[in-house]
Amino acid sequence: MPDWSYRTILRPVMLAMGPERARRLAAGTLRTVSRLPLGRQAIDFLGHMRADPRLRTPFGATTLAGPIALGAMIDPAGEAVGALERFGVGLIEVGPIGLRGNNAAPEWLVDLQSRTITDRSPGVIVGVDEVAANLARANPTVPVCVRIAETEESAVREIVERLRAYAAFFVTDANVEGAVRLRWLRGADVEERVRAIRAENPDALIVAGGVTEPADARRLLDAGANVAAVDAGLVCSGPGLVKRCNEALLSTMPAPPPPEPLSLDAARSAWFWALLLGVSMFAGGLLAFAIASTRIVLPYDERMAGLTRAMIEALNPRLLPFMAHDRVSLAGTMMSVGIFYVALAWFGIRRGEHWAHVTVLVSAIVGFFSFFFFLGFGYFDPFHAFVTAILTQFTLLCMVMPLSPRQPAVAEWRETPEWRRGQWGQLTFIVIGFALTGAGAMISIIGMTSVFVETDLQFMRTTAAHLRHSFEHLIPLVAHDRAALGGMLIANGVTVWLAAQWGFRAGARWLWTALAWGGNVAFAAATIVHVVVGYGALLHLTPAILGWVAWNVALLLTRGWLTGQAAVTFPIAVSRSSSS
């Protein structure tokens, strides 16, 4: 449940279900996913939420992966710990825990305006056996803190002994030998209480709760807390809150050296080869566009078909315009992908953004395998094979060369109207990415099977049987064009989907600009060529027009967020010495 789906659609739906029912559904779903083969890896891949290594935080005798903890409100029994540890947290709380659970159901009152959740029930207590079983199965890699509800020392000692193998810290008033205790503060006046405790005990381990936006985390850490905790904020602000806190805090760290300039020395870095990949893709798209707009077919196409260009035109004057519409659409898509790769290489990978690196690699590998879509038709395009061979080498070098040091992002300390509006635009781009991927798969399947759809035949005023009989050797050529277009659309869709899912943040003006140019180039080429050749079938053209409109609506929705040059001013100076 990323922010772009949670804040737009899922939060209203889940709160309408009832907060506790929604909590159970969310925890159960996360538990199931984390227990699937490669389920945790899938969460990592889709979320890219792990904390940057520079955020590692000393905490007693332990070093946490980051300074943000997750409170027990979402998952008191620890059933979804295996998934929640992938959210970028450094510490996870479970509980309150007793020797036996009380089977109480919380009565949550959610106030989105103040971003608070009040439990009007007497209080939920989870049994120690249930928690032990969940933690044993999850085997979490993130330290777990156990909040103990029992007050009698013997009961506390029994719980500590039962959970010692799974828990690194305990929250309890009892003094039990071997149990590392910490202060986990929540409720009113947390910041003032943190300052008071820190002044009294400089070595205290303090976790301060109540984070609903990154600015809260920074205030609590500056007040002296070792760790700031997200609890109700995950429900009110969204599952991406931990990641947003980490990103904002990372912006306060000393910056690495600036990105390296373009030179031959840059060939030792991944971004250089991704840049060449993008430039080559764009140049190939320009060349393909020039050919498709003039001659349409090349001499080796004519030799393969056994027909000259003039013969094809004489046999069916609409066949060449039909081929032109496929090839121009392919060229526009290639130029679009090239624009995306160049932007991702220069502004993303060169600045150490791992998500940009993965986006280019996944998209390029998908595009490489699409080369084999049309081989079953017996047609080998030497130009396509040459380009694929060159681009594959660039892709492999991009894969094995190291990333550059990561540059700090623009901090987003508070939710802004631009951010909230941008979630709808982000959702729209991701839907379009999926749609392009699906459309590409469908076109590829058509190219590998029937080759033509009904509107194609109506435009050419012929039948499939007549084409196969009269143009037997030309059909593989058309099939090649369709399958190649489908494969390139898949690569384009994957790029849009992953870039929108991982790369949207304040200050990413370069990504917004790349989407504006790349998307409009592709949609313009695909739409205008239909008008030029006279292929105006409404059923055929409507998806492209609707996609073009949706694309520009998404650009409008995300413009204020992505093109923002600076974060909201945060007046408090960073001082982490007292908290570490």
Protein backbone atom coordinates (compact mmCIF):
# COMPACT_ATOMS: atom_id res chain seq x y z
CA MET A 1 0.00 0.00 0.00
CA PRO A 2 2.24 2.84 -1.14
CA ASP A 3 1.21 6.45 -0.53
CA TRP A 4 0.00 6.94 -4.11
CA SER A 5 -2.63 4.22 -3.72
CA TYR A 6 -3.28 4.59 0.01
CA ARG A 7 -3.86 8.34 0.13
CA THR A 8 -5.96 8.38 -3.05
CA ILE A 9 -8.15 5.27 -2.86
CA LEU A 10 -7.34 2.79 -0.12
CA ARG A 11 -7.41 5.02 2.96
CA PRO A 12 -11.04 6.14 2.46
CA VAL A 13 -12.07 2.57 1.65
CA MET A 14 -10.27 1.04 4.61
CA LEU A 15 -11.49 3.61 7.13
CA ALA A 16 -15.03 3.05 5.85
CA MET A 17 -14.57 -0.63 6.70
CA GLY A 18 -13.80 0.30 10.28
CA PRO A 19 -10.30 1.02 11.62
CA GLU A 20 -9.82 -2.30 13.45
CA ARG A 21 -11.13 -4.39 10.57
CA ALA A 22 -8.87 -2.49 8.20
CA ARG A 23 -5.90 -3.00 10.54
CA ARG A 24 -6.49 -6.73 10.65
CA LEU A 25 -6.80 -6.87 6.87
CA ALA A 26 -3.58 -4.90 6.37
CA ALA A 27 -1.61 -6.92 8.94
CA GLY A 28 -2.93 -10.21 7.57
CA THR A 29 -2.07 -9.26 4.01
CA LEU A 30 1.45 -8.18 4.94
CA ARG A 31 1.93 -11.37 6.95
CA THR A 32 0.86 -13.51 3.99
CA VAL A 33 3.10 -11.67 1.54
CA SER A 34 6.11 -11.89 3.85
CA ARG A 35 5.69 -15.66 4.16
CA LEU A 36 5.51 -16.29 0.42
CA PRO A 37 8.66 -17.42 -1.41
CA LEU A 38 10.51 -14.22 -2.40
CA GLY A 39 7.71 -12.23 -0.72
CA ARG A 40 10.07 -10.03 1.29
CA GLN A 41 12.25 -9.50 -1.76
CA ALA A 42 9.14 -8.42 -3.67
CA ILE A 43 8.41 -5.82 -0.97
CA ASP A 44 11.98 -4.54 -1.29
CA PHE A 45 11.72 -4.37 -5.08
CA LEU A 46 8.36 -2.64 -5.17
CA GLY A 47 8.97 -0.25 -2.28
CA HIS A 48 12.67 0.63 -2.34
CA MET A 49 12.13 1.70 1.29
CA ARG A 50 15.30 0.46 3.02
CA ALA A 51 17.15 3.16 4.94
CA ASP A 52 20.33 4.56 3.43
CA PRO A 53 23.46 3.17 5.19
CA ARG A 54 24.41 6.72 6.18
CA LEU A 55 21.41 6.77 8.54
CA ARG A 56 22.76 3.95 10.71
CA THR A 57 22.10 4.95 14.33
CA PRO A 58 24.00 3.80 17.46
CA PHE A 59 21.51 2.58 20.07
CA GLY A 60 23.04 1.17 23.21
CA ALA A 61 25.17 -1.81 22.25
CA THR A 62 23.29 -2.11 18.94
CA THR A 63 23.41 -0.13 15.72
CA LEU A 64 20.02 0.41 14.10
CA ALA A 65 19.56 0.63 10.33
CA GLY A 66 17.91 4.03 10.76
CA PRO A 67 16.53 6.45 13.36
CA ILE A 68 12.85 5.72 12.69
CA ALA A 69 10.97 3.07 14.68
CA LEU A 70 7.53 1.56 14.17
CA GLY A 71 5.16 1.48 17.14
CA ALA A 72 2.97 -1.48 18.03
CA MET A 73 -0.41 0.01 17.08
CA ILE A 74 -0.45 -1.53 13.59
CA ASP A 75 0.83 -4.97 14.56
CA PRO A 76 0.78 -5.59 18.33
CA ALA A 77 1.18 -9.38 17.96
CA GLY A 78 4.12 -9.18 15.55
CA GLU A 79 2.40 -11.21 12.85
CA ALA A 80 3.55 -8.89 10.04
CA VAL A 81 7.04 -8.12 11.34
CA GLY A 82 8.60 -9.91 8.37
CA ALA A 83 7.02 -7.37 6.01
CA LEU A 84 7.16 -4.27 8.20
CA GLU A 85 10.92 -4.60 8.69
CA ARG A 86 11.23 -3.84 4.95
CA PHE A 87 9.60 -0.41 5.38
CA GLY A 88 12.89 1.29 6.26
CA VAL A 89 12.52 1.15 10.06
CA GLY A 90 15.39 0.63 12.46
CA LEU A 91 13.31 -0.79 15.33
CA ILE A 92 9.89 -2.45 15.64
CA GLU A 93 7.75 -2.50 18.77
CA VAL A 94 5.29 -5.28 19.65
CA GLY A 95 2.84 -5.44 22.53
CA PRO A 96 1.56 -4.70 25.11
CA ILE A 97 2.29 -8.31 26.06
CA GLY A 98 1.03 -10.30 29.00
CA LEU A 99 1.31 -13.91 30.05
CA ARG A 100 -2.09 -14.35 28.44
CA GLY A 101 -3.96 -12.21 25.96
CA ASN A 102 -7.23 -10.54 26.93
CA ASN A 103 -8.86 -10.92 23.48
CA ALA A 104 -9.98 -7.29 23.67
CA ALA A 105 -10.89 -5.47 20.47
CA PRO A 106 -9.64 -1.89 20.19
CA GLU A 107 -12.18 0.86 19.61
CA TRP A 108 -10.28 3.27 17.47
CA LEU A 109 -11.29 6.85 16.91
CA VAL A 110 -9.36 8.15 13.91
CA ASP A 111 -9.04 11.92 13.52
CA LEU A 112 -7.37 12.65 10.17
CA GLN A 113 -7.44 16.39 10.82
CA SER A 114 -5.20 16.15 13.89
CA ARG A 115 -3.63 12.88 12.70
CA THR A 116 -4.34 11.11 15.95
CA ILE A 117 -5.86 7.75 16.86
CA THR A 118 -7.51 7.22 20.23
CA ASP A 119 -8.28 3.74 21.57
CA ARG A 120 -11.43 3.97 23.70
CA SER A 121 -11.23 0.32 24.79
CA PRO A 122 -9.74 -0.78 28.13
CA GLY A 123 -6.61 -1.83 26.24
CA VAL A 124 -5.44 -4.76 24.15
CA ILE A 125 -3.01 -7.23 25.67
CA VAL A 126 -1.41 -9.89 23.47
CA GLY A 127 -0.40 -13.27 24.87
CA VAL A 128 3.32 -14.02 25.05
CA ASP A 129 2.93 -17.40 23.33
CA GLU A 130 1.30 -15.83 20.27
CA VAL A 131 4.03 -13.20 19.97
CA ALA A 132 6.79 -15.78 20.44
CA ALA A 133 5.34 -17.94 17.67
CA ASN A 134 5.04 -14.99 15.30
CA LEU A 135 8.56 -13.74 15.93
CA ALA A 136 10.03 -17.21 15.64
CA ARG A 137 8.40 -17.66 12.24
CA ALA A 138 9.30 -14.19 11.00
CA ASN A 139 12.93 -14.33 12.20
CA PRO A 140 13.25 -10.55 11.80
CA THR A 141 16.54 -8.90 10.91
CA VAL A 142 15.45 -5.59 12.48
CA PRO A 143 15.70 -5.35 16.30
CA VAL A 144 12.40 -5.87 18.11
CA CYS A 145 11.30 -4.03 21.23
CA VAL A 146 8.74 -5.72 23.50
CA ARG A 147 6.32 -3.60 25.51
CA ILE A 148 5.35 -5.60 28.62
CA ALA A 149 1.94 -5.04 30.16
CA GLU A 150 2.57 -7.08 33.30
CA THR A 151 3.69 -5.27 36.45
CA GLU A 152 4.63 -8.14 38.76
CA GLU A 153 8.33 -8.84 38.56
CA SER A 154 7.90 -12.61 38.28
CA ALA A 155 5.53 -12.25 35.33
CA VAL A 156 7.85 -9.75 33.66
CA ARG A 157 10.79 -12.10 34.17
CA GLU A 158 8.86 -14.95 32.59
CA ILE A 159 7.98 -12.87 29.52
CA VAL A 160 11.58 -11.69 29.15
CA GLU A 161 12.88 -15.25 29.32
CA ARG A 162 10.26 -16.38 26.78
CA LEU A 163 11.11 -13.63 24.27
CA ARG A 164 14.80 -13.05 24.95
CA ALA A 165 15.78 -14.96 21.78
CA TYR A 166 13.68 -12.67 19.57
CA ALA A 167 13.71 -9.27 21.29
CA ALA A 168 16.62 -6.86 21.68
CA PHE A 169 14.86 -4.39 24.03
CA PHE A 170 12.05 -4.32 26.57
CA VAL A 171 9.79 -1.55 27.84
CA THR A 172 8.93 -2.29 31.46
CA ASP A 173 9.14 -0.68 34.87
CA ALA A 174 10.52 -3.86 36.42
CA ASN A 175 14.26 -4.32 36.78
CA VAL A 176 14.98 -7.74 35.28
CA GLU A 177 18.53 -8.96 34.95
CA GLY A 178 19.69 -9.26 31.34
CA ALA A 179 16.83 -7.23 29.88
CA VAL A 180 17.92 -4.08 28.05
CA ARG A 181 15.34 -1.44 28.96
CA LEU A 182 14.52 1.75 27.14
CA ARG A 183 12.12 4.66 27.46
CA TRP A 184 9.42 4.62 24.79
CA LEU A 185 7.47 7.86 25.11
CA ARG A 186 4.10 8.56 23.56
CA GLY A 187 1.19 10.89 24.21
CA ALA A 188 1.18 14.61 24.98
CA ASP A 189 4.24 16.83 25.46
CA VAL A 190 6.64 14.18 24.13
CA GLU A 191 9.25 16.70 23.04
CA GLU A 192 9.42 18.35 26.47
CA ARG A 193 9.57 14.97 28.21
CA VAL A 194 12.42 13.89 25.95
CA ARG A 195 14.40 17.02 26.84
CA ALA A 196 13.81 16.48 30.53
CA ILE A 197 14.90 12.84 30.47
CA ARG A 198 17.94 13.62 28.36
CA ALA A 199 19.00 16.40 30.72
CA GLU A 200 18.64 14.05 33.68
CA ASN A 201 20.26 11.01 32.07
CA PRO A 202 22.52 11.65 29.05
CA ASP A 203 22.91 7.89 28.46
CA ALA A 204 19.22 6.98 28.44
CA LEU A 205 17.84 5.09 25.43
CA ILE A 206 14.82 7.13 24.34
CA VAL A 207 12.28 6.37 21.64
CA ALA A 208 9.83 9.24 21.10
CA GLY A 209 6.52 8.54 19.37
CA GLY A 210 3.97 10.70 17.63
CA VAL A 211 5.60 11.18 14.20
CA THR A 212 3.02 12.05 11.54
CA GLU A 213 5.34 13.87 9.11
CA PRO A 214 9.12 14.11 8.69
CA ALA A 215 9.28 17.44 10.55
CA ASP A 216 8.06 15.66 13.70
CA ALA A 217 10.89 13.16 13.48
CA ARG A 218 13.49 15.88 13.20
CA ARG A 219 12.10 17.82 16.16
CA LEU A 220 12.12 14.76 18.38
CA LEU A 221 15.63 13.76 17.37
CA ASP A 222 16.89 17.30 17.93
CA ALA A 223 15.21 17.29 21.35
CA GLY A 224 17.42 14.37 22.35
CA ALA A 225 15.58 11.20 21.36
CA ASN A 226 17.74 8.42 19.99
CA VAL A 227 14.92 7.23 17.75
CA ALA A 228 11.62 8.76 16.56
CA ALA A 229 8.63 6.44 16.26
CA VAL A 230 5.82 6.24 13.73
CA ASP A 231 2.56 4.77 14.97
CA ALA A 232 -0.75 6.47 14.22
CA GLY A 233 1.11 8.37 11.52
CA LEU A 234 1.30 5.24 9.40
CA VAL A 235 -2.50 5.13 9.32
CA CYS A 236 -3.11 8.86 8.94
CA SER A 237 -0.22 9.84 6.66
CA GLY A 238 0.47 6.68 4.71
CA PRO A 239 2.80 3.65 4.52
CA GLY A 240 5.50 5.74 2.86
CA LEU A 241 5.92 7.95 5.92
CA VAL A 242 8.98 6.06 7.19
CA LYS A 243 10.67 6.38 3.81
CA ARG A 244 9.83 10.09 3.64
CA CYS A 245 11.29 10.60 7.12
CA ASN A 246 14.48 8.79 6.14
CA GLU A 247 14.82 10.79 2.93
CA ALA A 248 14.31 14.09 4.74
CA LEU A 249 16.80 13.21 7.48
CA LEU A 250 19.30 12.08 4.86
CA SER A 251 19.24 15.58 3.38
CA THR A 252 20.80 16.88 6.63
CA MET A 253 23.85 14.64 6.26
CA PRO A 254 27.13 15.98 4.82
CA ALA A 255 26.90 15.84 1.05
CA PRO A 256 29.29 13.62 -0.94
CA PRO A 257 31.45 15.08 -3.72
CA PRO A 258 29.41 16.54 -6.59
CA PRO A 259 28.50 14.26 -9.52
CA GLU A 260 31.35 13.65 -11.93
CA PRO A 261 31.36 15.42 -15.29
CA LEU A 262 31.04 13.73 -18.66
CA SER A 263 34.48 12.45 -19.64
CA LEU A 264 36.21 9.24 -20.66
CA ASP A 265 36.98 8.60 -16.99
CA ALA A 266 33.21 8.32 -16.44
CA ALA A 267 33.29 5.07 -18.44
CA ARG A 268 34.15 3.42 -15.12
CA SER A 269 30.66 4.29 -13.82
CA ALA A 270 27.27 2.78 -14.60
CA TRP A 271 25.66 6.10 -15.54
CA PHE A 272 27.98 6.58 -18.53
CA TRP A 273 26.76 3.40 -20.22
CA ALA A 274 23.15 4.12 -19.36
CA LEU A 275 23.62 7.53 -20.99
CA LEU A 276 25.07 5.93 -24.15
CA LEU A 277 22.16 3.48 -24.12
CA GLY A 278 19.68 6.35 -24.04
CA VAL A 279 21.48 8.42 -26.69
CA SER A 280 21.70 5.38 -28.98
CA MET A 281 18.04 4.57 -28.46
CA PHE A 282 17.01 8.13 -29.27
CA ALA A 283 19.27 8.25 -32.35
CA GLY A 284 17.88 4.92 -33.52
CA GLY A 285 14.37 6.25 -33.06
CA LEU A 286 15.20 9.35 -35.13
CA LEU A 287 16.62 7.19 -37.91
CA ALA A 288 13.63 4.87 -37.83
CA PHE A 289 11.31 7.89 -37.96
CA ALA A 290 13.13 9.30 -40.98
CA ILE A 291 12.87 5.99 -42.84
CA ALA A 292 9.23 5.42 -41.87
CA SER A 293 8.30 8.94 -42.96
CA THR A 294 9.90 8.62 -46.42
CA ARG A 295 10.85 5.31 -48.01
CA ILE A 296 9.13 3.13 -45.35
CA VAL A 297 10.76 -0.13 -46.49
CA LEU A 298 14.49 -0.71 -46.91
CA PRO A 299 16.17 -2.74 -49.67
CA TYR A 300 16.58 -5.82 -47.45
CA ASP A 301 12.86 -5.61 -46.63
CA GLU A 302 12.13 -5.71 -50.36
CA ARG A 303 14.43 -8.69 -50.88
CA MET A 304 12.81 -10.58 -48.03
CA ALA A 305 9.29 -9.86 -49.34
CA GLY A 306 10.23 -10.54 -52.94
CA LEU A 307 8.51 -7.28 -53.87
CA THR A 308 9.75 -3.83 -54.65
CA ARG A 309 8.24 -0.78 -53.01
CA ALA A 310 6.46 0.09 -56.26
CA MET A 311 5.05 -3.44 -56.56
CA ILE A 312 3.69 -3.33 -53.01
CA GLU A 313 2.06 0.01 -53.68
CA ALA A 314 0.54 -1.26 -56.94
CA LEU A 315 -0.89 -4.40 -55.34
CA ASN A 316 -2.47 -2.52 -52.41
CA PRO A 317 -1.98 1.25 -52.14
CA ARG A 318 -2.90 1.18 -48.43
CA LEU A 319 -0.34 -1.42 -47.38
CA LEU A 320 2.64 0.94 -47.26
CA PRO A 321 0.72 3.61 -45.25
CA PHE A 322 -0.30 0.82 -42.88
CA MET A 323 3.34 -0.23 -42.44
CA ALA A 324 4.31 3.42 -42.02
CA HIS A 325 1.85 3.83 -39.15
CA ASP A 326 3.45 0.89 -37.29
CA ARG A 327 6.99 2.07 -37.97
CA VAL A 328 6.39 5.70 -37.02
CA SER A 329 4.74 4.54 -33.79
CA LEU A 330 7.77 2.34 -33.11
CA ALA A 331 10.13 5.25 -33.80
CA GLY A 332 8.22 7.57 -31.46
CA THR A 333 8.34 4.95 -28.71
CA MET A 334 12.08 4.45 -29.21
CA MET A 335 12.70 8.19 -28.93
CA SER A 336 10.55 8.29 -25.81
CA VAL A 337 12.54 5.49 -24.17
CA GLY A 338 15.76 7.22 -25.21
CA ILE A 339 14.68 10.44 -23.52
CA PHE A 340 13.81 8.54 -20.34
CA TYR A 341 17.13 6.67 -20.29
CA VAL A 342 19.19 9.83 -20.83
CA ALA A 343 17.37 11.61 -17.99
CA LEU A 344 17.63 8.61 -15.66
CA ALA A 345 21.33 8.24 -16.43
CA TRP A 346 22.36 11.89 -16.05
CA PHE A 347 20.10 13.04 -13.23
CA GLY A 348 19.45 9.71 -11.51
CA ILE A 349 22.21 7.12 -11.80
CA ARG A 350 24.97 9.76 -11.94
CA ARG A 351 23.62 11.09 -8.63
CA GLY A 352 23.70 7.63 -7.06
CA GLU A 353 19.97 6.81 -7.27
CA HIS A 354 19.69 3.04 -7.10
CA TRP A 355 16.05 3.08 -8.24
CA ALA A 356 17.04 4.81 -11.51
CA HIS A 357 19.69 2.17 -12.14
CA VAL A 358 17.21 -0.67 -11.60
CA THR A 359 14.61 1.07 -13.79
CA VAL A 360 16.97 1.31 -16.76
CA LEU A 361 18.21 -2.26 -16.36
CA VAL A 362 14.77 -3.85 -16.03
CA SER A 363 13.39 -1.89 -18.97
CA ALA A 364 16.44 -2.58 -21.18
CA ILE A 365 16.44 -6.31 -20.40
CA VAL A 366 12.74 -6.52 -21.27
CA GLY A 367 13.44 -4.68 -24.52
CA PHE A 368 16.32 -7.03 -25.32
CA PHE A 369 14.17 -10.13 -24.98
CA SER A 370 11.52 -8.61 -27.22
CA PHE A 371 14.05 -8.98 -30.05
CA PHE A 372 13.19 -12.67 -30.17
CA PHE A 373 9.43 -12.12 -30.52
CA PHE A 374 9.43 -12.14 -34.29
CA LEU A 375 12.09 -14.75 -35.05
CA GLY A 376 9.40 -17.43 -35.27
CA PHE A 377 8.16 -15.83 -38.48
CA GLY A 378 11.42 -16.50 -40.26
CA TYR A 379 12.32 -12.83 -40.63
CA PHE A 380 15.70 -11.55 -39.48
CA ASP A 381 16.09 -7.78 -39.49
CA PRO A 382 19.84 -7.11 -39.73
CA PHE A 383 19.52 -3.46 -38.68
CA HIS A 384 17.44 -4.41 -35.65
CA ALA A 385 19.93 -7.16 -34.79
CA PHE A 386 22.87 -4.74 -35.09
CA VAL A 387 21.23 -2.14 -32.86
CA THR A 388 20.25 -4.82 -30.30
CA ALA A 389 23.80 -6.17 -30.19
CA ILE A 390 25.24 -2.69 -29.50
CA LEU A 391 22.63 -1.80 -26.89
CA THR A 392 23.05 -5.14 -25.12
CA GLN A 393 26.73 -4.37 -24.55
CA PHE A 394 25.83 -0.97 -23.09
CA THR A 395 23.26 -2.65 -20.85
CA LEU A 396 25.73 -5.22 -19.55
CA LEU A 397 28.32 -2.54 -18.81
CA CYS A 398 25.67 -0.46 -17.03
CA MET A 399 24.84 -3.55 -14.97
CA VAL A 400 28.39 -4.34 -13.79
CA MET A 401 29.85 -0.85 -13.35
CA PRO A 402 29.51 0.81 -9.91
CA LEU A 403 27.03 3.49 -8.94
CA SER A 404 28.16 7.00 -8.08
CA PRO A 405 27.84 8.31 -4.48
CA ARG A 406 24.26 9.28 -3.71
CA GLN A 407 23.51 13.00 -3.65
CA PRO A 408 21.06 14.44 -1.07
CA ALA A 409 17.48 14.88 -2.23
CA VAL A 410 15.27 17.89 -1.59
CA ALA A 411 13.83 17.45 1.91
CA GLU A 412 10.07 17.16 2.25
CA TRP A 413 9.50 17.99 5.90
CA ARG A 414 5.75 18.53 5.66
CA GLU A 415 2.82 17.40 3.60
CA THR A 416 1.82 20.12 1.21
CA PRO A 417 -1.22 20.54 -1.03
CA GLU A 418 1.13 19.96 -3.98
CA TRP A 419 2.23 16.64 -2.48
CA ARG A 420 -1.34 15.49 -1.87
CA ARG A 421 -2.40 16.49 -5.38
CA GLY A 422 0.71 14.82 -6.75
CA GLN A 423 -0.34 11.46 -5.31
CA TRP A 424 -3.20 11.39 -7.82
CA GLY A 425 -0.80 12.25 -10.63
CA GLN A 426 1.63 9.56 -9.48
CA LEU A 427 -1.20 7.02 -9.42
CA THR A 428 -2.19 8.08 -12.94
CA PHE A 429 1.34 7.65 -14.29
CA ILE A 430 1.64 4.20 -12.72
CA VAL A 431 -1.70 3.15 -14.22
CA ILE A 432 -0.54 4.45 -17.62
CA GLY A 433 2.72 2.51 -17.21
CA PHE A 434 0.76 -0.68 -16.58
CA ALA A 435 -1.55 0.14 -19.51
CA LEU A 436 1.39 0.66 -21.88
CA THR A 437 2.95 -2.59 -20.72
CA GLY A 438 -0.34 -4.44 -21.26
CA ALA A 439 -0.86 -2.81 -24.65
CA GLY A 440 2.65 -3.78 -25.69
CA ALA A 441 2.07 -7.37 -24.63
CA MET A 442 -1.19 -7.49 -26.58
CA ILE A 443 0.39 -6.01 -29.73
CA SER A 444 3.28 -8.47 -29.45
CA ILE A 445 0.88 -11.40 -29.17
CA ILE A 446 -1.07 -10.16 -32.19
CA GLY A 447 2.20 -9.77 -34.11
CA MET A 448 3.20 -13.34 -33.26
CA THR A 449 -0.20 -14.85 -34.07
CA SER A 450 -2.89 -13.29 -36.26
CA VAL A 451 -0.72 -10.24 -37.22
CA PHE A 452 -3.79 -8.13 -38.14
CA VAL A 453 -6.88 -7.01 -36.25
CA GLU A 454 -10.23 -6.27 -37.86
CA THR A 455 -9.72 -2.50 -38.09
CA ASP A 456 -6.38 -3.09 -39.86
CA LEU A 457 -8.12 -5.13 -42.55
CA GLN A 458 -10.89 -2.55 -42.88
CA PHE A 459 -8.31 0.20 -43.40
CA MET A 460 -6.52 -1.81 -46.11
CA ARG A 461 -9.87 -2.92 -47.60
CA THR A 462 -8.84 -6.52 -47.78
CA THR A 463 -9.04 -9.81 -45.88
CA ALA A 464 -6.47 -11.79 -43.95
CA ALA A 465 -6.78 -14.70 -46.36
CA HIS A 466 -6.13 -12.45 -49.37
CA LEU A 467 -3.09 -10.89 -47.73
CA ARG A 468 -1.61 -14.25 -46.84
CA HIS A 469 -2.21 -15.53 -50.36
CA SER A 470 -0.98 -12.45 -52.24
CA PHE A 471 1.75 -11.27 -49.87
CA GLU A 472 3.01 -14.53 -48.39
CA HIS A 473 6.53 -13.26 -47.79
CA LEU A 474 5.40 -9.80 -46.71
CA ILE A 475 3.41 -11.04 -43.69
CA PRO A 476 6.55 -11.87 -41.62
CA LEU A 477 7.78 -8.32 -42.29
CA VAL A 478 4.57 -6.82 -40.93
CA ALA A 479 4.63 -9.26 -38.03
CA HIS A 480 8.15 -8.11 -37.23
CA ASP A 481 7.02 -4.47 -37.10
CA ARG A 482 4.13 -5.32 -34.78
CA ALA A 483 6.14 -7.49 -32.43
CA ALA A 484 8.95 -4.91 -32.30
CA LEU A 485 6.45 -2.14 -31.51
CA GLY A 486 4.89 -4.30 -28.80
CA GLY A 487 8.26 -5.07 -27.22
CA MET A 488 9.26 -1.41 -27.23
CA LEU A 489 5.92 -0.44 -25.66
CA ILE A 490 6.54 -2.97 -22.90
CA ALA A 491 9.98 -1.44 -22.24
CA ASN A 492 8.43 2.03 -22.26
CA GLY A 493 5.63 1.02 -19.92
CA VAL A 494 8.04 -0.59 -17.46
CA THR A 495 10.16 2.58 -17.46
CA VAL A 496 7.17 4.82 -16.76
CA TRP A 497 5.82 2.49 -14.07
CA LEU A 498 9.08 2.10 -12.13
CA ALA A 499 10.19 5.72 -12.49
CA ALA A 500 6.79 6.94 -11.26
CA GLN A 501 6.70 4.43 -8.41
CA TRP A 502 10.21 5.06 -7.11
CA GLY A 503 11.39 8.43 -8.33
CA PHE A 504 8.63 10.92 -7.55
CA ARG A 505 9.68 13.45 -4.91
CA ALA A 506 9.95 17.19 -4.46
CA GLY A 507 12.64 18.75 -6.62
CA ALA A 508 12.60 16.01 -9.29
CA ARG A 509 12.03 18.61 -11.99
CA TRP A 510 14.25 16.62 -14.34
CA LEU A 511 11.94 13.60 -14.09
CA TRP A 512 8.85 15.71 -14.72
CA THR A 513 10.55 17.28 -17.75
CA ALA A 514 11.58 13.87 -19.10
CA LEU A 515 8.01 12.61 -18.73
CA ALA A 516 6.67 15.72 -20.43
CA TRP A 517 8.96 15.36 -23.44
CA GLY A 518 9.16 11.58 -23.65
CA GLY A 519 5.46 10.92 -23.24
CA ASN A 520 4.28 13.63 -25.60
CA VAL A 521 6.77 12.59 -28.29
CA ALA A 522 5.50 9.01 -28.23
CA PHE A 523 1.79 9.88 -28.09
CA ALA A 524 2.17 12.56 -30.76
CA ALA A 525 3.95 10.20 -33.16
CA ALA A 526 1.41 7.42 -32.63
CA THR A 527 -1.63 9.69 -32.93
CA ILE A 528 -0.60 12.05 -35.71
CA VAL A 529 0.59 9.26 -38.03
CA HIS A 530 -2.91 7.75 -37.91
CA VAL A 531 -4.34 11.06 -39.07
CA VAL A 532 -1.72 11.46 -41.80
CA VAL A 533 -2.25 8.00 -43.32
CA GLY A 534 -6.01 8.18 -42.88
CA TYR A 535 -6.29 5.33 -40.36
CA GLY A 536 -8.91 7.00 -38.18
CA ALA A 537 -10.90 4.04 -36.87
CA LEU A 538 -12.37 5.24 -33.56
CA LEU A 539 -11.93 1.90 -31.81
CA HIS A 540 -8.29 1.80 -32.83
CA LEU A 541 -7.37 5.41 -32.07
CA THR A 542 -9.38 6.11 -28.91
CA PRO A 543 -6.99 4.36 -26.46
CA ALA A 544 -4.06 6.44 -27.72
CA ILE A 545 -6.00 9.71 -27.45
CA LEU A 546 -7.29 8.89 -23.96
CA GLY A 547 -3.78 7.89 -22.90
CA TRP A 548 -2.38 11.17 -24.23
CA VAL A 549 -5.00 13.17 -22.34
CA ALA A 550 -4.41 11.18 -19.13
CA TRP A 551 -0.66 11.68 -19.49
CA ASN A 552 -0.96 15.45 -19.58
CA VAL A 553 -3.49 15.48 -16.75
CA ALA A 554 -0.94 13.55 -14.68
CA LEU A 555 1.71 16.09 -15.64
CA LEU A 556 -0.52 18.92 -14.40
CA LEU A 557 -1.24 17.10 -11.13
CA THR A 558 2.44 16.44 -10.38
CA ARG A 559 3.95 19.68 -11.65
CA GLY A 560 3.76 21.64 -8.39
CA TRP A 561 5.20 18.74 -6.40
CA LEU A 562 8.00 17.52 -8.67
CA THR A 563 9.17 20.92 -9.82
CA GLY A 564 9.35 22.41 -6.30
CA GLN A 565 12.84 23.81 -5.82
CA ALA A 566 13.05 23.82 -2.03
CA ALA A 567 11.47 22.20 0.97
CA VAL A 568 9.49 24.01 3.64
CA THR A 569 11.99 25.91 5.76
CA PHE A 570 12.90 24.06 8.93
CA PRO A 571 14.35 26.43 11.53
CA ILE A 572 15.84 23.95 13.99
CA ALA A 573 19.53 23.22 13.57
CA VAL A 574 20.55 19.61 13.32
CA SER A 575 22.29 18.28 16.40
CA ARG A 576 22.51 14.53 16.79
CA SER A 577 25.34 14.35 19.28
CA SER A 578 23.09 14.02 22.31
CA SER A 579 21.03 11.27 20.75
CA SER A 580 23.83 9.02 19.70
